Amino acid sequence: MIPLPFLTAAVAFTLWISFKRFSPGATISHWLSAAWLVGALQHLLIGCIQFYELDVLVWLRPIGAVLIPILWWAAIVQPPVLLGMSLSAIAAVVVLTLGAWEIDWLDPFIVCVFLYVSIAILRLSWASDARVPWLNLQDPERSRRHMRVVASLLFVSAIFDGVIAYWFATGQSVIATQAIVVAQLISIVSLYMLLLINPESMTVGLSESTELAARRPEVERALFEHVERVMIEQSLYLDPNLNLLKIARKAGVVSREVSAAVNMYSGQNLSQWVNGFRIEQAQRLLKETDQSILDIMEAVGFTTKSSFNREFKRVRGVTPSVFRQSA
């Protein structure tokens, strides 16, 4: 029978490879890949220590543990590479320092990092413009749900880590070992839950040379015009599964810069901006063709009638049926 840590690691590696194969040739999102792989390696590390008594690897376990929440935060927020790497390095140095000095604050520190990041992601999910970069722009509520799932998993991990550390510290190693098994089972279930995430979550158009080191207005304006040109020339808005990472990959720029430029120069959030192109195309079809409203809705990239009617009324002030009658 395969020990649970190795089974969990195998599942994680298999899912990562399968995600990678969904979009051959696409650039892999560095933060999400790192979060996924560090989690898998952490379970592999636990298995090696627990079943093969490779105590020489013990010092790596707290480093992996503290990196997991930071990398998941970075996967959602998409911070500058230097910022993400700096936070990761600082956390690793703190862990190594606490471990080297044999200070009893090591486990509490890791638990606090998990709790802080889970709360930070949960707070982000309540924002009106909350977006998970890899999800469909038409479904902001799904972004919020995914952010809350990640926050909940990190929070549960923090509680488990804290309780297990307490049991080990008080000599209740048998109970602690059983708790580790339960935590590993939860990890397996969590990996299957994360499989529900759009496979394109692993992809992002990343061109560091286009990242705006100095945020000059003329540079951001040029970026917005470039993204807008790509959107129109390639008719990206017709894709019902369009998301921020797809737009960034097609334009060859960094995703967070796309979102910032669109917000600044269109005066709308990314979803409203994309839907504006869709509504413009729908207007033409309503005027020039006899297609049904449902067929037009699907042709321009909407997936539900309610969202089509809502966005059409937001842009034109009337519903599609009223617009057609008056055209």
C-alpha atoms as a PDB file:
ATOM      1  CA  MET A   1       0.000   0.000   0.000  1.00  0.00           C
ATOM      2  CA  ILE A   2       1.308   3.451  -0.957  1.00  0.00           C
ATOM      3  CA  PRO A   3       1.798   5.718   2.070  1.00  0.00           C
ATOM      4  CA  LEU A   4      -0.607   8.652   2.077  1.00  0.00           C
ATOM      5  CA  PRO A   5       2.039  11.406   1.726  1.00  0.00           C
ATOM      6  CA  PHE A   6       3.364   9.804  -1.458  1.00  0.00           C
ATOM      7  CA  LEU A   7      -0.171   9.235  -2.778  1.00  0.00           C
ATOM      8  CA  THR A   8      -1.036  12.894  -2.178  1.00  0.00           C
ATOM      9  CA  ALA A   9       2.182  14.027  -3.872  1.00  0.00           C
ATOM     10  CA  ALA A  10       1.495  11.718  -6.830  1.00  0.00           C
ATOM     11  CA  VAL A  11      -2.036  13.114  -7.234  1.00  0.00           C
ATOM     12  CA  ALA A  12      -0.707  16.674  -7.120  1.00  0.00           C
ATOM     13  CA  PHE A  13       2.008  16.004  -9.696  1.00  0.00           C
ATOM     14  CA  THR A  14      -0.463  14.191 -11.970  1.00  0.00           C
ATOM     15  CA  LEU A  15      -2.946  17.055 -11.841  1.00  0.00           C
ATOM     16  CA  TRP A  16      -0.228  19.600 -12.530  1.00  0.00           C
ATOM     17  CA  ILE A  17       0.952  17.661 -15.587  1.00  0.00           C
ATOM     18  CA  SER A  18      -2.621  17.274 -16.837  1.00  0.00           C
ATOM     19  CA  PHE A  19      -3.251  21.012 -16.423  1.00  0.00           C
ATOM     20  CA  LYS A  20      -0.060  21.691 -18.353  1.00  0.00           C
ATOM     21  CA  ARG A  21      -1.213  19.461 -21.211  1.00  0.00           C
ATOM     22  CA  PHE A  22      -4.557  21.288 -21.511  1.00  0.00           C
ATOM     23  CA  SER A  23      -2.755  24.263 -23.057  1.00  0.00           C
ATOM     24  CA  PRO A  24       0.297  22.992 -24.926  1.00  0.00           C
ATOM     25  CA  GLY A  25       2.604  25.808 -25.948  1.00  0.00           C
ATOM     26  CA  ALA A  26       1.155  28.262 -23.448  1.00  0.00           C
ATOM     27  CA  THR A  27       3.353  29.863 -20.844  1.00  0.00           C
ATOM     28  CA  ILE A  28       2.740  28.412 -17.401  1.00  0.00           C
ATOM     29  CA  SER A  29       1.592  30.815 -14.695  1.00  0.00           C
ATOM     30  CA  HIS A  30       4.659  30.975 -12.486  1.00  0.00           C
ATOM     31  CA  TRP A  31       2.920  31.707  -9.174  1.00  0.00           C
ATOM     32  CA  LEU A  32       0.198  29.077  -9.513  1.00  0.00           C
ATOM     33  CA  SER A  33       2.677  26.488 -10.735  1.00  0.00           C
ATOM     34  CA  ALA A  34       4.959  27.269  -7.799  1.00  0.00           C
ATOM     35  CA  ALA A  35       2.103  27.004  -5.286  1.00  0.00           C
ATOM     36  CA  TRP A  36       0.991  23.687  -6.772  1.00  0.00           C
ATOM     37  CA  LEU A  37       4.474  22.165  -6.964  1.00  0.00           C
ATOM     38  CA  VAL A  38       5.632  23.322  -3.526  1.00  0.00           C
ATOM     39  CA  GLY A  39       2.503  21.718  -2.061  1.00  0.00           C
ATOM     40  CA  ALA A  40       3.264  18.457  -3.866  1.00  0.00           C
ATOM     41  CA  LEU A  41       6.926  18.513  -2.828  1.00  0.00           C
ATOM     42  CA  GLN A  42       5.896  19.214   0.764  1.00  0.00           C
ATOM     43  CA  HIS A  43       3.921  15.961   0.907  1.00  0.00           C
ATOM     44  CA  LEU A  44       6.791  14.100  -0.741  1.00  0.00           C
ATOM     45  CA  LEU A  45       9.133  15.552   1.869  1.00  0.00           C
ATOM     46  CA  ILE A  46       6.831  14.513   4.737  1.00  0.00           C
ATOM     47  CA  GLY A  47       6.726  10.968   3.346  1.00  0.00           C
ATOM     48  CA  CYS A  48      10.509  10.729   3.103  1.00  0.00           C
ATOM     49  CA  ILE A  49      10.935  11.951   6.688  1.00  0.00           C
ATOM     50  CA  GLN A  50       8.089   9.895   8.141  1.00  0.00           C
ATOM     51  CA  PHE A  51       8.680   6.558   6.407  1.00  0.00           C
ATOM     52  CA  TYR A  52      12.400   6.610   5.531  1.00  0.00           C
ATOM     53  CA  GLU A  53      13.670   8.614   8.521  1.00  0.00           C
ATOM     54  CA  LEU A  54      15.591  11.065   6.316  1.00  0.00           C
ATOM     55  CA  ASP A  55      16.058  13.532   9.140  1.00  0.00           C
ATOM     56  CA  VAL A  56      18.547  15.503   7.064  1.00  0.00           C
ATOM     57  CA  LEU A  57      15.512  16.886   5.198  1.00  0.00           C
ATOM     58  CA  VAL A  58      13.682  18.063   8.325  1.00  0.00           C
ATOM     59  CA  TRP A  59      14.869  21.680   7.967  1.00  0.00           C
ATOM     60  CA  LEU A  60      13.191  21.911   4.526  1.00  0.00           C
ATOM     61  CA  ARG A  61       9.706  21.124   5.828  1.00  0.00           C
ATOM     62  CA  PRO A  62       9.007  24.455   7.604  1.00  0.00           C
ATOM     63  CA  ILE A  63      10.318  26.363   4.577  1.00  0.00           C
ATOM     64  CA  GLY A  64       7.879  24.567   2.291  1.00  0.00           C
ATOM     65  CA  ALA A  65       5.083  25.074   4.796  1.00  0.00           C
ATOM     66  CA  VAL A  66       5.543  28.851   5.022  1.00  0.00           C
ATOM     67  CA  LEU A  67       5.885  29.259   1.242  1.00  0.00           C
ATOM     68  CA  ILE A  68       2.551  27.583   0.409  1.00  0.00           C
ATOM     69  CA  PRO A  69       0.208  30.385   1.611  1.00  0.00           C
ATOM     70  CA  ILE A  70       2.431  33.122   0.176  1.00  0.00           C
ATOM     71  CA  LEU A  71       2.474  31.461  -3.246  1.00  0.00           C
ATOM     72  CA  TRP A  72      -1.308  31.000  -3.266  1.00  0.00           C
ATOM     73  CA  TRP A  73      -1.719  34.679  -2.392  1.00  0.00           C
ATOM     74  CA  ALA A  74       0.605  35.561  -5.268  1.00  0.00           C
ATOM     75  CA  ALA A  75      -1.331  33.283  -7.650  1.00  0.00           C
ATOM     76  CA  ILE A  76      -4.502  35.275  -6.960  1.00  0.00           C
ATOM     77  CA  VAL A  77      -3.065  38.793  -6.643  1.00  0.00           C
ATOM     78  CA  GLN A  78      -0.378  38.406  -9.370  1.00  0.00           C
ATOM     79  CA  PRO A  79       2.110  40.778  -7.660  1.00  0.00           C
ATOM     80  CA  PRO A  80       5.349  41.955  -9.317  1.00  0.00           C
ATOM     81  CA  VAL A  81       7.848  39.112  -9.457  1.00  0.00           C
ATOM     82  CA  LEU A  82      10.339  40.963  -7.258  1.00  0.00           C
ATOM     83  CA  LEU A  83       7.732  41.553  -4.538  1.00  0.00           C
ATOM     84  CA  GLY A  84       6.565  37.942  -4.512  1.00  0.00           C
ATOM     85  CA  MET A  85      10.098  36.583  -4.430  1.00  0.00           C
ATOM     86  CA  SER A  86      11.093  39.045  -1.672  1.00  0.00           C
ATOM     87  CA  LEU A  87       8.181  38.015   0.549  1.00  0.00           C
ATOM     88  CA  SER A  88       8.999  34.349  -0.018  1.00  0.00           C
ATOM     89  CA  ALA A  89      12.681  34.892   0.765  1.00  0.00           C
ATOM     90  CA  ILE A  90      11.934  36.880   3.940  1.00  0.00           C
ATOM     91  CA  ALA A  91       9.564  34.182   5.206  1.00  0.00           C
ATOM     92  CA  ALA A  92      12.139  31.460   4.475  1.00  0.00           C
ATOM     93  CA  VAL A  93      14.891  33.400   6.291  1.00  0.00           C
ATOM     94  CA  VAL A  94      12.659  33.912   9.335  1.00  0.00           C
ATOM     95  CA  VAL A  95      11.853  30.194   9.420  1.00  0.00           C
ATOM     96  CA  LEU A  96      15.514  29.216   9.121  1.00  0.00           C
ATOM     97  CA  THR A  97      16.483  31.700  11.847  1.00  0.00           C
ATOM     98  CA  LEU A  98      13.829  30.458  14.257  1.00  0.00           C
ATOM     99  CA  GLY A  99      14.789  26.849  13.518  1.00  0.00           C
ATOM    100  CA  ALA A 100      18.531  27.480  13.936  1.00  0.00           C
ATOM    101  CA  TRP A 101      18.031  29.205  17.274  1.00  0.00           C
ATOM    102  CA  GLU A 102      15.598  26.472  18.337  1.00  0.00           C
ATOM    103  CA  ILE A 103      13.027  29.095  19.283  1.00  0.00           C
ATOM    104  CA  ASP A 104       9.567  27.802  20.114  1.00  0.00           C
ATOM    105  CA  TRP A 105       7.974  30.423  17.869  1.00  0.00           C
ATOM    106  CA  LEU A 106       8.566  28.504  14.632  1.00  0.00           C
ATOM    107  CA  ASP A 107       5.218  26.685  14.542  1.00  0.00           C
ATOM    108  CA  PRO A 108       3.231  29.727  15.748  1.00  0.00           C
ATOM    109  CA  PHE A 109       4.919  31.833  13.062  1.00  0.00           C
ATOM    110  CA  ILE A 110       3.892  29.425  10.283  1.00  0.00           C
ATOM    111  CA  VAL A 111       0.341  29.219  11.647  1.00  0.00           C
ATOM    112  CA  CYS A 112       0.147  33.024  11.752  1.00  0.00           C
ATOM    113  CA  VAL A 113       1.287  33.281   8.125  1.00  0.00           C
ATOM    114  CA  PHE A 114      -1.432  30.818   7.065  1.00  0.00           C
ATOM    115  CA  LEU A 115      -4.070  32.712   9.054  1.00  0.00           C
ATOM    116  CA  TYR A 116      -2.982  36.137   7.818  1.00  0.00           C
ATOM    117  CA  VAL A 117      -2.965  35.084   4.153  1.00  0.00           C
ATOM    118  CA  SER A 118      -6.305  33.286   4.433  1.00  0.00           C
ATOM    119  CA  ILE A 119      -7.880  36.423   5.928  1.00  0.00           C
ATOM    120  CA  ALA A 120      -6.249  38.620   3.259  1.00  0.00           C
ATOM    121  CA  ILE A 121      -7.641  36.468   0.432  1.00  0.00           C
ATOM    122  CA  LEU A 122     -11.051  36.349   2.112  1.00  0.00           C
ATOM    123  CA  ARG A 123     -11.097  40.155   2.322  1.00  0.00           C
ATOM    124  CA  LEU A 124     -10.190  40.373  -1.364  1.00  0.00           C
ATOM    125  CA  SER A 125     -13.167  38.153  -2.204  1.00  0.00           C
ATOM    126  CA  TRP A 126     -15.566  40.763  -0.783  1.00  0.00           C
ATOM    127  CA  ALA A 127     -14.344  43.524  -3.107  1.00  0.00           C
ATOM    128  CA  SER A 128     -16.823  44.595  -5.797  1.00  0.00           C
ATOM    129  CA  ASP A 129     -14.214  44.024  -8.514  1.00  0.00           C
ATOM    130  CA  ALA A 130     -12.875  40.750  -7.082  1.00  0.00           C
ATOM    131  CA  ARG A 131     -11.316  38.734  -9.892  1.00  0.00           C
ATOM    132  CA  VAL A 132      -9.397  35.492  -9.992  1.00  0.00           C
ATOM    133  CA  PRO A 133      -7.186  36.012 -13.075  1.00  0.00           C
ATOM    134  CA  TRP A 134      -7.850  32.588 -14.584  1.00  0.00           C
ATOM    135  CA  LEU A 135     -11.671  32.536 -14.468  1.00  0.00           C
ATOM    136  CA  ASN A 136     -14.339  33.586 -16.965  1.00  0.00           C
ATOM    137  CA  LEU A 137     -14.988  37.339 -16.903  1.00  0.00           C
ATOM    138  CA  GLN A 138     -18.741  36.765 -17.081  1.00  0.00           C
ATOM    139  CA  ASP A 139     -18.871  35.089 -13.696  1.00  0.00           C
ATOM    140  CA  PRO A 140     -17.434  37.346 -10.939  1.00  0.00           C
ATOM    141  CA  GLU A 141     -19.324  35.362  -8.322  1.00  0.00           C
ATOM    142  CA  ARG A 142     -17.361  32.272  -9.303  1.00  0.00           C
ATOM    143  CA  SER A 143     -14.149  34.227  -8.715  1.00  0.00           C
ATOM    144  CA  ARG A 144     -15.349  35.058  -5.225  1.00  0.00           C
ATOM    145  CA  ARG A 145     -16.202  31.415  -4.545  1.00  0.00           C
ATOM    146  CA  HIS A 146     -12.765  30.255  -5.672  1.00  0.00           C
ATOM    147  CA  MET A 147     -11.037  32.851  -3.521  1.00  0.00           C
ATOM    148  CA  ARG A 148     -13.089  31.747  -0.528  1.00  0.00           C
ATOM    149  CA  VAL A 149     -12.278  28.086  -1.195  1.00  0.00           C
ATOM    150  CA  VAL A 150      -8.543  28.870  -1.214  1.00  0.00           C
ATOM    151  CA  ALA A 151      -8.901  31.028   1.923  1.00  0.00           C
ATOM    152  CA  SER A 152     -10.863  28.272   3.681  1.00  0.00           C
ATOM    153  CA  LEU A 153      -8.288  25.601   2.814  1.00  0.00           C
ATOM    154  CA  LEU A 154      -5.460  27.795   4.115  1.00  0.00           C
ATOM    155  CA  PHE A 155      -7.431  28.533   7.295  1.00  0.00           C
ATOM    156  CA  VAL A 156      -8.122  24.828   7.901  1.00  0.00           C
ATOM    157  CA  SER A 157      -4.427  24.076   7.287  1.00  0.00           C
ATOM    158  CA  ALA A 158      -3.491  26.687   9.890  1.00  0.00           C
ATOM    159  CA  ILE A 159      -5.791  25.119  12.482  1.00  0.00           C
ATOM    160  CA  PHE A 160      -4.492  21.622  11.758  1.00  0.00           C
ATOM    161  CA  ASP A 161      -0.866  22.757  11.911  1.00  0.00           C
ATOM    162  CA  GLY A 162      -1.445  24.537  15.211  1.00  0.00           C
ATOM    163  CA  VAL A 163      -3.225  21.599  16.836  1.00  0.00           C
ATOM    164  CA  ILE A 164      -0.664  19.073  15.574  1.00  0.00           C
ATOM    165  CA  ALA A 165       2.223  21.229  16.839  1.00  0.00           C
ATOM    166  CA  TYR A 166       0.538  21.462  20.240  1.00  0.00           C
ATOM    167  CA  TRP A 167       0.061  17.681  20.464  1.00  0.00           C
ATOM    168  CA  PHE A 168       3.703  17.038  19.547  1.00  0.00           C
ATOM    169  CA  ALA A 169       4.840  19.640  22.097  1.00  0.00           C
ATOM    170  CA  THR A 170       2.771  18.010  24.862  1.00  0.00           C
ATOM    171  CA  GLY A 171       3.966  14.488  24.069  1.00  0.00           C
ATOM    172  CA  GLN A 172       0.763  13.295  22.390  1.00  0.00           C
ATOM    173  CA  SER A 173       2.619  12.013  19.332  1.00  0.00           C
ATOM    174  CA  VAL A 174       0.121   9.183  18.592  1.00  0.00           C
ATOM    175  CA  ILE A 175      -2.787  11.598  18.264  1.00  0.00           C
ATOM    176  CA  ALA A 176      -0.593  13.996  16.283  1.00  0.00           C
ATOM    177  CA  THR A 177       0.355  11.267  13.819  1.00  0.00           C
ATOM    178  CA  GLN A 178      -3.303  10.332  13.335  1.00  0.00           C
ATOM    179  CA  ALA A 179      -4.108  14.011  12.747  1.00  0.00           C
ATOM    180  CA  ILE A 180      -1.420  14.165  10.059  1.00  0.00           C
ATOM    181  CA  VAL A 181      -3.122  11.246   8.275  1.00  0.00           C
ATOM    182  CA  VAL A 182      -6.450  13.106   8.403  1.00  0.00           C
ATOM    183  CA  ALA A 183      -4.770  16.257   7.081  1.00  0.00           C
ATOM    184  CA  GLN A 184      -3.303  14.282   4.190  1.00  0.00           C
ATOM    185  CA  LEU A 185      -6.725  12.857   3.324  1.00  0.00           C
ATOM    186  CA  ILE A 186      -8.122  16.383   3.313  1.00  0.00           C
ATOM    187  CA  SER A 187      -5.282  17.385   0.988  1.00  0.00           C
ATOM    188  CA  ILE A 188      -6.275  14.679  -1.495  1.00  0.00           C
ATOM    189  CA  VAL A 189      -9.909  15.811  -1.448  1.00  0.00           C
ATOM    190  CA  SER A 190      -8.782  19.435  -1.827  1.00  0.00           C
ATOM    191  CA  LEU A 191      -6.728  18.571  -4.897  1.00  0.00           C
ATOM    192  CA  TYR A 192      -9.797  17.073  -6.542  1.00  0.00           C
ATOM    193  CA  MET A 193     -11.769  20.195  -5.601  1.00  0.00           C
ATOM    194  CA  LEU A 194      -9.143  22.345  -7.267  1.00  0.00           C
ATOM    195  CA  LEU A 195      -9.506  20.222 -10.394  1.00  0.00           C
ATOM    196  CA  LEU A 196     -12.830  22.043 -10.860  1.00  0.00           C
ATOM    197  CA  ILE A 197     -10.873  25.206 -11.543  1.00  0.00           C
ATOM    198  CA  ASN A 198     -10.684  26.139 -15.229  1.00  0.00           C
ATOM    199  CA  PRO A 199      -7.620  24.328 -16.687  1.00  0.00           C
ATOM    200  CA  GLU A 200      -6.479  27.650 -18.079  1.00  0.00           C
ATOM    201  CA  SER A 201      -5.694  28.631 -14.511  1.00  0.00           C
ATOM    202  CA  MET A 202      -2.239  27.326 -15.226  1.00  0.00           C
ATOM    203  CA  THR A 203      -1.628  29.614 -18.189  1.00  0.00           C
ATOM    204  CA  VAL A 204      -0.712  33.236 -18.509  1.00  0.00           C
ATOM    205  CA  GLY A 205       0.856  35.388 -21.167  1.00  0.00           C
ATOM    206  CA  LEU A 206       3.983  36.613 -19.409  1.00  0.00           C
ATOM    207  CA  SER A 207       6.384  39.020 -21.033  1.00  0.00           C
ATOM    208  CA  GLU A 208       8.493  40.621 -18.359  1.00  0.00           C
ATOM    209  CA  SER A 209      10.002  43.012 -20.886  1.00  0.00           C
ATOM    210  CA  THR A 210       6.622  44.726 -21.194  1.00  0.00           C
ATOM    211  CA  GLU A 211       6.182  45.207 -17.445  1.00  0.00           C
ATOM    212  CA  LEU A 212       5.939  48.871 -16.620  1.00  0.00           C
ATOM    213  CA  ALA A 213       8.777  49.702 -14.283  1.00  0.00           C
ATOM    214  CA  ALA A 214       7.918  53.403 -14.493  1.00  0.00           C
ATOM    215  CA  ARG A 215       4.183  53.874 -14.725  1.00  0.00           C
ATOM    216  CA  ARG A 216       4.263  56.779 -17.234  1.00  0.00           C
ATOM    217  CA  PRO A 217       0.826  57.787 -18.559  1.00  0.00           C
ATOM    218  CA  GLU A 218       1.956  57.632 -22.200  1.00  0.00           C
ATOM    219  CA  VAL A 219       3.250  54.094 -21.738  1.00  0.00           C
ATOM    220  CA  GLU A 220       0.037  52.920 -20.073  1.00  0.00           C
ATOM    221  CA  ARG A 221      -2.007  54.617 -22.774  1.00  0.00           C
ATOM    222  CA  ALA A 222      -0.004  52.800 -25.460  1.00  0.00           C
ATOM    223  CA  LEU A 223      -0.527  49.521 -23.597  1.00  0.00           C
ATOM    224  CA  PHE A 224      -4.291  50.097 -23.456  1.00  0.00           C
ATOM    225  CA  GLU A 225      -4.442  50.905 -27.168  1.00  0.00           C
ATOM    226  CA  HIS A 226      -2.425  47.765 -27.953  1.00  0.00           C
ATOM    227  CA  VAL A 227      -4.729  45.537 -25.901  1.00  0.00           C
ATOM    228  CA  GLU A 228      -7.787  47.203 -27.446  1.00  0.00           C
ATOM    229  CA  ARG A 229      -6.406  46.641 -30.945  1.00  0.00           C
ATOM    230  CA  VAL A 230      -5.757  42.958 -30.205  1.00  0.00           C
ATOM    231  CA  MET A 231      -9.259  42.625 -28.751  1.00  0.00           C
ATOM    232  CA  ILE A 232     -10.844  44.036 -31.925  1.00  0.00           C
ATOM    233  CA  GLU A 233      -8.575  42.513 -34.581  1.00  0.00           C
ATOM    234  CA  GLN A 234      -8.737  39.018 -33.122  1.00  0.00           C
ATOM    235  CA  SER A 235     -12.379  39.342 -31.961  1.00  0.00           C
ATOM    236  CA  LEU A 236     -11.396  37.990 -28.571  1.00  0.00           C
ATOM    237  CA  TYR A 237     -14.651  39.211 -27.054  1.00  0.00           C
ATOM    238  CA  LEU A 238     -16.571  36.541 -28.991  1.00  0.00           C
ATOM    239  CA  ASP A 239     -14.987  33.848 -26.820  1.00  0.00           C
ATOM    240  CA  PRO A 240     -17.566  32.940 -24.122  1.00  0.00           C
ATOM    241  CA  ASN A 241     -14.756  31.649 -21.884  1.00  0.00           C
ATOM    242  CA  LEU A 242     -12.612  34.764 -22.175  1.00  0.00           C
ATOM    243  CA  ASN A 243     -10.682  35.687 -19.032  1.00  0.00           C
ATOM    244  CA  LEU A 244      -7.921  38.056 -17.968  1.00  0.00           C
ATOM    245  CA  LEU A 245      -5.126  35.561 -18.573  1.00  0.00           C
ATOM    246  CA  LYS A 246      -6.339  34.805 -22.102  1.00  0.00           C
ATOM    247  CA  ILE A 247      -6.361  38.503 -22.967  1.00  0.00           C
ATOM    248  CA  ALA A 248      -2.885  38.975 -21.480  1.00  0.00           C
ATOM    249  CA  ARG A 249      -1.496  35.963 -23.343  1.00  0.00           C
ATOM    250  CA  LYS A 250      -2.946  37.076 -26.681  1.00  0.00           C
ATOM    251  CA  ALA A 251      -1.611  40.609 -26.194  1.00  0.00           C
ATOM    252  CA  GLY A 252       1.758  39.360 -24.894  1.00  0.00           C
ATOM    253  CA  VAL A 253       1.700  41.482 -21.756  1.00  0.00           C
ATOM    254  CA  VAL A 254       1.445  41.003 -18.002  1.00  0.00           C
ATOM    255  CA  SER A 255      -2.099  40.337 -16.760  1.00  0.00           C
ATOM    256  CA  ARG A 256      -2.132  42.878 -13.937  1.00  0.00           C
ATOM    257  CA  GLU A 257      -1.032  45.614 -16.379  1.00  0.00           C
ATOM    258  CA  VAL A 258      -3.963  44.780 -18.668  1.00  0.00           C
ATOM    259  CA  SER A 259      -6.445  45.160 -15.838  1.00  0.00           C
ATOM    260  CA  ALA A 260      -4.885  48.417 -14.590  1.00  0.00           C
ATOM    261  CA  ALA A 261      -4.760  50.001 -18.066  1.00  0.00           C
ATOM    262  CA  VAL A 262      -8.352  49.055 -18.871  1.00  0.00           C
ATOM    263  CA  ASN A 263      -9.609  50.446 -15.563  1.00  0.00           C
ATOM    264  CA  MET A 264      -7.705  53.697 -16.057  1.00  0.00           C
ATOM    265  CA  TYR A 265      -8.479  54.463 -19.697  1.00  0.00           C
ATOM    266  CA  SER A 266     -11.917  52.942 -20.213  1.00  0.00           C
ATOM    267  CA  GLY A 267     -13.387  53.966 -16.867  1.00  0.00           C
ATOM    268  CA  GLN A 268     -14.819  50.463 -16.551  1.00  0.00           C
ATOM    269  CA  ASN A 269     -13.766  47.191 -15.017  1.00  0.00           C
ATOM    270  CA  LEU A 270     -12.459  44.519 -17.374  1.00  0.00           C
ATOM    271  CA  SER A 271     -15.749  42.608 -17.569  1.00  0.00           C
ATOM    272  CA  GLN A 272     -17.749  45.720 -18.486  1.00  0.00           C
ATOM    273  CA  TRP A 273     -15.152  46.719 -21.064  1.00  0.00           C
ATOM    274  CA  VAL A 274     -15.248  43.325 -22.804  1.00  0.00           C
ATOM    275  CA  ASN A 275     -19.032  43.240 -22.694  1.00  0.00           C
ATOM    276  CA  GLY A 276     -19.080  46.637 -24.410  1.00  0.00           C
ATOM    277  CA  PHE A 277     -17.546  45.035 -27.517  1.00  0.00           C
ATOM    278  CA  ARG A 278     -20.054  42.208 -27.326  1.00  0.00           C
ATOM    279  CA  ILE A 279     -23.007  44.587 -27.070  1.00  0.00           C
ATOM    280  CA  GLU A 280     -21.739  46.622 -30.025  1.00  0.00           C
ATOM    281  CA  GLN A 281     -21.595  43.464 -32.135  1.00  0.00           C
ATOM    282  CA  ALA A 282     -25.042  42.415 -30.874  1.00  0.00           C
ATOM    283  CA  GLN A 283     -26.469  45.787 -31.939  1.00  0.00           C
ATOM    284  CA  ARG A 284     -25.257  45.257 -35.493  1.00  0.00           C
ATOM    285  CA  LEU A 285     -26.724  41.763 -35.637  1.00  0.00           C
ATOM    286  CA  LEU A 286     -30.055  42.924 -34.208  1.00  0.00           C
ATOM    287  CA  LYS A 287     -30.270  45.630 -36.887  1.00  0.00           C
ATOM    288  CA  GLU A 288     -28.915  43.761 -39.893  1.00  0.00           C
ATOM    289  CA  THR A 289     -30.046  40.138 -39.439  1.00  0.00           C
ATOM    290  CA  ASP A 290     -33.156  38.145 -38.606  1.00  0.00           C
ATOM    291  CA  GLN A 291     -31.312  35.906 -36.142  1.00  0.00           C
ATOM    292  CA  SER A 292     -33.123  35.198 -32.913  1.00  0.00           C
ATOM    293  CA  ILE A 293     -32.033  37.114 -29.839  1.00  0.00           C
ATOM    294  CA  LEU A 294     -30.860  33.851 -28.256  1.00  0.00           C
ATOM    295  CA  ASP A 295     -28.666  33.044 -31.280  1.00  0.00           C
ATOM    296  CA  ILE A 296     -27.212  36.559 -31.248  1.00  0.00           C
ATOM    297  CA  MET A 297     -26.543  36.288 -27.517  1.00  0.00           C
ATOM    298  CA  GLU A 298     -24.490  33.125 -28.075  1.00  0.00           C
ATOM    299  CA  ALA A 299     -22.798  34.486 -31.201  1.00  0.00           C
ATOM    300  CA  VAL A 300     -21.349  37.514 -29.393  1.00  0.00           C
ATOM    301  CA  GLY A 301     -19.988  35.562 -26.422  1.00  0.00           C
ATOM    302  CA  PHE A 302     -22.663  35.638 -23.721  1.00  0.00           C
ATOM    303  CA  THR A 303     -23.616  32.396 -22.009  1.00  0.00           C
ATOM    304  CA  THR A 304     -26.787  33.374 -20.144  1.00  0.00           C
ATOM    305  CA  LYS A 305     -29.794  35.407 -21.217  1.00  0.00           C
ATOM    306  CA  SER A 306     -29.924  37.270 -17.914  1.00  0.00           C
ATOM    307  CA  SER A 307     -26.353  38.575 -18.225  1.00  0.00           C
ATOM    308  CA  PHE A 308     -26.949  39.497 -21.887  1.00  0.00           C
ATOM    309  CA  ASN A 309     -30.098  41.463 -21.063  1.00  0.00           C
ATOM    310  CA  ARG A 310     -28.458  43.111 -18.048  1.00  0.00           C
ATOM    311  CA  GLU A 311     -25.361  44.227 -19.943  1.00  0.00           C
ATOM    312  CA  PHE A 312     -27.333  45.307 -23.015  1.00  0.00           C
ATOM    313  CA  LYS A 313     -29.573  47.486 -20.859  1.00  0.00           C
ATOM    314  CA  ARG A 314     -26.538  48.891 -19.028  1.00  0.00           C
ATOM    315  CA  VAL A 315     -24.949  49.970 -22.327  1.00  0.00           C
ATOM    316  CA  ARG A 316     -28.008  50.910 -24.406  1.00  0.00           C
ATOM    317  CA  GLY A 317     -30.592  51.676 -21.742  1.00  0.00           C
ATOM    318  CA  VAL A 318     -33.101  49.196 -23.199  1.00  0.00           C
ATOM    319  CA  THR A 319     -33.394  45.425 -23.554  1.00  0.00           C
ATOM    320  CA  PRO A 320     -32.377  43.685 -26.816  1.00  0.00           C
ATOM    321  CA  SER A 321     -36.004  43.048 -27.800  1.00  0.00           C
ATOM    322  CA  VAL A 322     -36.974  46.722 -27.344  1.00  0.00           C
ATOM    323  CA  PHE A 323     -33.855  47.804 -29.241  1.00  0.00           C
ATOM    324  CA  ARG A 324     -34.761  45.563 -32.190  1.00  0.00           C
ATOM    325  CA  GLN A 325     -38.310  46.877 -32.297  1.00  0.00           C
ATOM    326  CA  SER A 326     -37.113  50.474 -32.395  1.00  0.00           C
ATOM    327  CA  ALA A 327     -34.260  49.852 -34.856  1.00  0.00           C
END
